[in-house]
């Protein structure tokens, strides 16, 4: 699988990411694995790094992923969610991702990794 995650309690962060071409069903399965992981602390912020990724999907798969992200993943994550993209992601995927992120009040979309980290740190400190 071209996607992976890491839960780091010392740094207080859950990171998800991948490389190359990713099937959207693999991305959904990764999200489910994070939620089911015994190490998962729902209060930790999530940094989802999609830089360099190309996504394959059908319309039905995209709809199922959106339902999972908004209806299952986001409600179980109490921390902030930063998503980082770059030019490797096609326009249709960017638009769908932007629309989905706008539906999650604790999530934000970034095109710079450093900005995403800065946003997460500010949100963590403000919550303290």
C-alpha atoms as a PDB file:
ATOM      1  CA  UNK A   1       0.000   0.000   0.000  1.00  0.00           C
ATOM      2  CA  UNK A   2       1.306   3.471  -0.890  1.00  0.00           C
ATOM      3  CA  UNK A   3      -0.180   5.150   2.226  1.00  0.00           C
ATOM      4  CA  UNK A   4       0.823   5.017   5.894  1.00  0.00           C
ATOM      5  CA  UNK A   5       0.268   6.706   9.239  1.00  0.00           C
ATOM      6  CA  UNK A   6       2.214   7.340  12.425  1.00  0.00           C
ATOM      7  CA  UNK A   7       0.896   8.202  15.878  1.00  0.00           C
ATOM      8  CA  UNK A   8       3.516  10.129  17.858  1.00  0.00           C
ATOM      9  CA  UNK A   9       2.441  10.859  21.427  1.00  0.00           C
ATOM     10  CA  UNK A  10       5.753  12.589  22.254  1.00  0.00           C
ATOM     11  CA  UNK A  11       5.258  15.145  19.476  1.00  0.00           C
ATOM     12  CA  UNK A  12       1.511  15.144  20.010  1.00  0.00           C
ATOM     13  CA  UNK A  13       0.674  14.487  16.371  1.00  0.00           C
ATOM     14  CA  UNK A  14      -0.890  11.924  14.074  1.00  0.00           C
ATOM     15  CA  UNK A  15       0.579  12.015  10.573  1.00  0.00           C
ATOM     16  CA  UNK A  16      -0.878  10.388   7.491  1.00  0.00           C
ATOM     17  CA  UNK A  17       0.581  10.400   4.032  1.00  0.00           C
ATOM     18  CA  UNK A  18       1.600   8.517   0.982  1.00  0.00           C
ATOM     19  CA  UNK A  19       3.470   8.613  -2.253  1.00  0.00           C
ATOM     20  CA  UNK A  20       2.910   8.034  -5.943  1.00  0.00           C
ATOM     21  CA  UNK A  21      -0.512   6.866  -7.049  1.00  0.00           C
ATOM     22  CA  UNK A  22      -3.039   5.985  -4.371  1.00  0.00           C
ATOM     23  CA  UNK A  23      -6.384   4.286  -4.800  1.00  0.00           C
ATOM     24  CA  UNK A  24      -8.985   6.223  -2.812  1.00  0.00           C
ATOM     25  CA  UNK A  25     -10.202   2.983  -1.203  1.00  0.00           C
ATOM     26  CA  UNK A  26      -6.691   2.508   0.256  1.00  0.00           C
ATOM     27  CA  UNK A  27      -6.889   6.027   1.680  1.00  0.00           C
ATOM     28  CA  UNK A  28     -10.249   5.220   3.279  1.00  0.00           C
ATOM     29  CA  UNK A  29      -8.849   1.962   4.699  1.00  0.00           C
ATOM     30  CA  UNK A  30      -5.925   3.923   6.151  1.00  0.00           C
ATOM     31  CA  UNK A  31      -8.363   6.288   7.877  1.00  0.00           C
ATOM     32  CA  UNK A  32     -10.228   3.337   9.348  1.00  0.00           C
ATOM     33  CA  UNK A  33      -6.953   1.807  10.559  1.00  0.00           C
ATOM     34  CA  UNK A  34      -6.059   5.059  12.341  1.00  0.00           C
ATOM     35  CA  UNK A  35      -9.434   5.171  14.077  1.00  0.00           C
ATOM     36  CA  UNK A  36      -9.141   1.524  15.155  1.00  0.00           C
ATOM     37  CA  UNK A  37      -5.546   1.790  16.402  1.00  0.00           C
ATOM     38  CA  UNK A  38      -5.337   1.330  20.196  1.00  0.00           C
ATOM     39  CA  UNK A  39      -2.662   4.079  20.287  1.00  0.00           C
ATOM     40  CA  UNK A  40      -5.052   6.600  18.720  1.00  0.00           C
ATOM     41  CA  UNK A  41      -5.839   9.578  20.966  1.00  0.00           C
ATOM     42  CA  UNK A  42      -8.768  11.480  19.432  1.00  0.00           C
ATOM     43  CA  UNK A  43      -7.493  14.756  20.944  1.00  0.00           C
ATOM     44  CA  UNK A  44      -4.254  14.706  18.931  1.00  0.00           C
ATOM     45  CA  UNK A  45      -4.076  16.956  15.866  1.00  0.00           C
ATOM     46  CA  UNK A  46      -3.772  15.265  12.463  1.00  0.00           C
ATOM     47  CA  UNK A  47      -1.416  16.270   9.682  1.00  0.00           C
ATOM     48  CA  UNK A  48      -2.425  14.682   6.380  1.00  0.00           C
ATOM     49  CA  UNK A  49       0.357  15.104   3.824  1.00  0.00           C
ATOM     50  CA  UNK A  50      -0.873  14.552   0.278  1.00  0.00           C
ATOM     51  CA  UNK A  51       2.094  16.171  -1.471  1.00  0.00           C
ATOM     52  CA  UNK A  52       3.269  14.158  -4.455  1.00  0.00           C
ATOM     53  CA  UNK A  53       0.105  12.066  -4.514  1.00  0.00           C
ATOM     54  CA  UNK A  54      -2.059  11.145  -7.449  1.00  0.00           C
ATOM     55  CA  UNK A  55      -5.449   9.633  -6.600  1.00  0.00           C
ATOM     56  CA  UNK A  56      -7.385   7.070  -8.615  1.00  0.00           C
ATOM     57  CA  UNK A  57     -11.128   6.799  -8.046  1.00  0.00           C
ATOM     58  CA  UNK A  58     -14.520   6.295  -9.577  1.00  0.00           C
ATOM     59  CA  UNK A  59     -17.429   8.620  -8.811  1.00  0.00           C
ATOM     60  CA  UNK A  60     -18.895   5.995  -6.464  1.00  0.00           C
ATOM     61  CA  UNK A  61     -15.555   5.586  -4.655  1.00  0.00           C
ATOM     62  CA  UNK A  62     -15.204   9.348  -4.264  1.00  0.00           C
ATOM     63  CA  UNK A  63     -18.719   9.587  -2.803  1.00  0.00           C
ATOM     64  CA  UNK A  64     -17.995   6.726  -0.362  1.00  0.00           C
ATOM     65  CA  UNK A  65     -14.731   8.384   0.703  1.00  0.00           C
ATOM     66  CA  UNK A  66     -16.464  11.708   1.321  1.00  0.00           C
ATOM     67  CA  UNK A  67     -19.152   9.996   3.405  1.00  0.00           C
ATOM     68  CA  UNK A  68     -16.458   8.234   5.422  1.00  0.00           C
ATOM     69  CA  UNK A  69     -14.379  11.387   5.945  1.00  0.00           C
ATOM     70  CA  UNK A  70     -17.285  13.600   6.999  1.00  0.00           C
ATOM     71  CA  UNK A  71     -19.501  11.025   8.666  1.00  0.00           C
ATOM     72  CA  UNK A  72     -17.011   8.725  10.384  1.00  0.00           C
ATOM     73  CA  UNK A  73     -13.447  10.075  10.496  1.00  0.00           C
ATOM     74  CA  UNK A  74     -14.002  13.737  11.358  1.00  0.00           C
ATOM     75  CA  UNK A  75     -16.515  13.098  14.175  1.00  0.00           C
ATOM     76  CA  UNK A  76     -14.063  10.716  15.882  1.00  0.00           C
ATOM     77  CA  UNK A  77     -11.125  13.145  15.667  1.00  0.00           C
ATOM     78  CA  UNK A  78     -11.395  15.930  18.246  1.00  0.00           C
ATOM     79  CA  UNK A  79      -8.089  17.562  17.307  1.00  0.00           C
ATOM     80  CA  UNK A  80      -7.483  19.889  14.389  1.00  0.00           C
ATOM     81  CA  UNK A  81      -6.895  18.397  10.937  1.00  0.00           C
ATOM     82  CA  UNK A  82      -4.430  20.022   8.516  1.00  0.00           C
ATOM     83  CA  UNK A  83      -4.301  18.705   4.952  1.00  0.00           C
ATOM     84  CA  UNK A  84      -1.323  19.597   2.728  1.00  0.00           C
ATOM     85  CA  UNK A  85      -1.514  19.337  -1.062  1.00  0.00           C
ATOM     86  CA  UNK A  86       0.647  20.335  -4.019  1.00  0.00           C
ATOM     87  CA  UNK A  87       0.415  20.515  -7.799  1.00  0.00           C
ATOM     88  CA  UNK A  88       0.649  16.714  -8.149  1.00  0.00           C
ATOM     89  CA  UNK A  89      -3.012  16.431  -7.135  1.00  0.00           C
ATOM     90  CA  UNK A  90      -5.359  16.868 -10.104  1.00  0.00           C
ATOM     91  CA  UNK A  91      -7.889  19.730 -10.232  1.00  0.00           C
ATOM     92  CA  UNK A  92     -10.915  17.517  -9.660  1.00  0.00           C
ATOM     93  CA  UNK A  93      -9.340  15.963  -6.559  1.00  0.00           C
ATOM     94  CA  UNK A  94      -8.314  19.406  -5.254  1.00  0.00           C
ATOM     95  CA  UNK A  95     -11.829  20.754  -5.698  1.00  0.00           C
ATOM     96  CA  UNK A  96     -13.428  17.732  -4.035  1.00  0.00           C
ATOM     97  CA  UNK A  97     -10.947  17.890  -1.176  1.00  0.00           C
ATOM     98  CA  UNK A  98     -11.537  21.619  -0.687  1.00  0.00           C
ATOM     99  CA  UNK A  99     -15.302  21.086  -0.591  1.00  0.00           C
ATOM    100  CA  UNK A 100     -14.912  18.241   1.903  1.00  0.00           C
ATOM    101  CA  UNK A 101     -12.524  20.220   4.152  1.00  0.00           C
ATOM    102  CA  UNK A 102     -14.992  23.129   4.215  1.00  0.00           C
ATOM    103  CA  UNK A 103     -17.519  20.696   5.721  1.00  0.00           C
ATOM    104  CA  UNK A 104     -15.262  19.923   8.697  1.00  0.00           C
ATOM    105  CA  UNK A 105     -14.994  22.805  11.157  1.00  0.00           C
ATOM    106  CA  UNK A 106     -11.639  21.726  12.642  1.00  0.00           C
ATOM    107  CA  UNK A 107      -9.965  21.166   9.274  1.00  0.00           C
ATOM    108  CA  UNK A 108      -7.975  23.387   6.932  1.00  0.00           C
ATOM    109  CA  UNK A 109      -6.339  22.884   3.530  1.00  0.00           C
ATOM    110  CA  UNK A 110      -2.785  24.117   2.835  1.00  0.00           C
ATOM    111  CA  UNK A 111      -0.374  24.235  -0.075  1.00  0.00           C
ATOM    112  CA  UNK A 112       2.682  24.698   2.200  1.00  0.00           C
ATOM    113  CA  UNK A 113       3.736  22.127   4.781  1.00  0.00           C
ATOM    114  CA  UNK A 114       5.228  24.738   7.137  1.00  0.00           C
ATOM    115  CA  UNK A 115       1.994  26.734   7.165  1.00  0.00           C
ATOM    116  CA  UNK A 116       0.050  23.615   8.097  1.00  0.00           C
ATOM    117  CA  UNK A 117       2.391  22.889  11.018  1.00  0.00           C
ATOM    118  CA  UNK A 118       2.217  26.495  12.193  1.00  0.00           C
ATOM    119  CA  UNK A 119      -1.592  26.428  12.059  1.00  0.00           C
ATOM    120  CA  UNK A 120      -1.711  23.172  14.034  1.00  0.00           C
ATOM    121  CA  UNK A 121       0.693  24.504  16.678  1.00  0.00           C
ATOM    122  CA  UNK A 122      -1.341  27.686  17.122  1.00  0.00           C
ATOM    123  CA  UNK A 123      -4.545  25.679  17.472  1.00  0.00           C
ATOM    124  CA  UNK A 124      -2.952  23.380  20.072  1.00  0.00           C
ATOM    125  CA  UNK A 125      -1.594  26.309  22.101  1.00  0.00           C
ATOM    126  CA  UNK A 126      -4.905  28.177  21.931  1.00  0.00           C
ATOM    127  CA  UNK A 127      -6.700  25.100  23.205  1.00  0.00           C
ATOM    128  CA  UNK A 128      -4.305  24.758  26.183  1.00  0.00           C
END
